[in-house]
């Protein structure tokens, strides 16, 4: 999960927060608990891009990413990153990806 899907999840969340919510790389980094440099690499497909296409094919993952991004904008830091990953992990298990 960590090596295959976590970077792709961060890419998708970064894209959603940037494109849909118009957040800066710095704000996205704060919300995701990472660095601005990492977010820059996520958004430019230099990091985590390997599984993005695979995850985008799964409607349930796309929906969950959108919900999580909305929640992060409305209530930052209410859920920990571990909670977010657990939610997506459950979706991936239902889809038999992990």
Protein backbone atom coordinates (compact mmCIF):
# COMPACT_ATOMS: atom_id res chain seq x y z
CA UNK A 1 0.00 0.00 0.00
CA UNK A 2 2.65 2.50 1.04
CA UNK A 3 5.02 2.03 -1.87
CA UNK A 4 2.45 1.38 -4.61
CA UNK A 5 -0.60 3.46 -3.78
CA UNK A 6 0.26 6.15 -1.23
CA UNK A 7 2.24 8.32 -3.69
CA UNK A 8 -0.57 8.02 -6.27
CA UNK A 9 -3.16 8.93 -3.63
CA UNK A 10 -1.13 12.02 -2.78
CA UNK A 11 -0.93 12.91 -6.48
CA UNK A 12 -4.71 12.64 -6.84
CA UNK A 13 -5.40 14.62 -3.67
CA UNK A 14 -2.90 17.30 -4.72
CA UNK A 15 -4.52 17.57 -8.14
CA UNK A 16 -8.01 17.76 -6.65
CA UNK A 17 -7.03 20.38 -4.09
CA UNK A 18 -5.20 22.43 -6.71
CA UNK A 19 -7.65 22.21 -9.59
CA UNK A 20 -11.03 22.03 -7.87
CA UNK A 21 -10.29 24.14 -4.81
CA UNK A 22 -7.57 26.43 -6.17
CA UNK A 23 -5.19 25.87 -3.26
CA UNK A 24 -1.53 26.76 -3.40
CA UNK A 25 1.20 24.15 -3.21
CA UNK A 26 2.09 25.42 0.26
CA UNK A 27 -1.49 25.01 1.53
CA UNK A 28 -1.77 21.55 -0.03
CA UNK A 29 1.49 20.55 1.66
CA UNK A 30 0.12 21.70 5.02
CA UNK A 31 -3.10 19.74 4.55
CA UNK A 32 -1.31 16.57 3.43
CA UNK A 33 1.47 16.83 6.00
CA UNK A 34 4.24 16.94 3.42
CA UNK A 35 6.54 19.53 1.89
CA UNK A 36 5.83 22.09 -0.79
CA UNK A 37 8.57 20.47 -2.90
CA UNK A 38 6.82 17.09 -2.68
CA UNK A 39 3.51 18.64 -3.74
CA UNK A 40 5.26 20.31 -6.67
CA UNK A 41 6.58 16.92 -7.75
CA UNK A 42 3.14 15.32 -7.34
CA UNK A 43 1.54 18.00 -9.52
CA UNK A 44 4.23 17.74 -12.20
CA UNK A 45 4.05 13.91 -12.30
CA UNK A 46 7.65 13.55 -11.14
CA UNK A 47 6.57 11.59 -8.10
CA UNK A 48 3.83 9.01 -7.63
CA UNK A 49 2.57 8.93 -11.20
CA UNK A 50 2.99 5.17 -11.72
CA UNK A 51 -0.41 4.12 -10.28
CA UNK A 52 -2.43 7.26 -10.98
CA UNK A 53 -4.00 5.98 -14.21
CA UNK A 54 -4.94 2.72 -12.54
CA UNK A 55 -6.62 4.52 -9.64
CA UNK A 56 -8.43 6.97 -11.93
CA UNK A 57 -10.16 4.03 -13.61
CA UNK A 58 -11.93 3.19 -10.34
CA UNK A 59 -15.01 5.35 -9.85
CA UNK A 60 -15.12 4.66 -6.10
CA UNK A 61 -11.56 5.94 -5.71
CA UNK A 62 -12.32 9.10 -7.69
CA UNK A 63 -15.41 9.73 -5.54
CA UNK A 64 -13.51 9.16 -2.29
CA UNK A 65 -10.65 11.46 -3.38
CA UNK A 66 -13.19 14.19 -4.14
CA UNK A 67 -14.92 13.73 -0.77
CA UNK A 68 -11.63 13.76 1.12
CA UNK A 69 -10.47 16.92 -0.67
CA UNK A 70 -13.76 18.64 0.16
CA UNK A 71 -13.43 17.59 3.80
CA UNK A 72 -9.81 18.75 4.02
CA UNK A 73 -10.81 22.20 2.75
CA UNK A 74 -13.79 22.49 5.11
CA UNK A 75 -12.24 20.96 8.23
CA UNK A 76 -8.47 20.82 7.94
CA UNK A 77 -6.76 18.39 10.27
CA UNK A 78 -10.01 16.85 11.55
CA UNK A 79 -8.90 13.47 10.22
CA UNK A 80 -5.29 12.39 10.32
CA UNK A 81 -3.50 11.31 7.16
CA UNK A 82 -3.68 7.75 8.52
CA UNK A 83 -7.49 7.99 8.65
CA UNK A 84 -7.60 9.23 5.07
CA UNK A 85 -5.38 6.44 3.86
CA UNK A 86 -7.49 3.89 5.73
CA UNK A 87 -10.58 5.13 3.91
CA UNK A 88 -8.90 4.76 0.54
CA UNK A 89 -7.41 1.43 1.53
CA UNK A 90 -10.92 0.12 2.19
CA UNK A 91 -12.03 1.30 -1.24
CA UNK A 92 -9.05 -0.43 -2.86
CA UNK A 93 -9.81 -3.63 -0.96
CA UNK A 94 -13.44 -3.58 -2.15
CA UNK A 95 -12.13 -3.17 -5.69
CA UNK A 96 -9.69 -6.07 -5.10
CA UNK A 97 -6.62 -3.95 -5.87
CA UNK A 98 -4.88 -4.83 -2.61
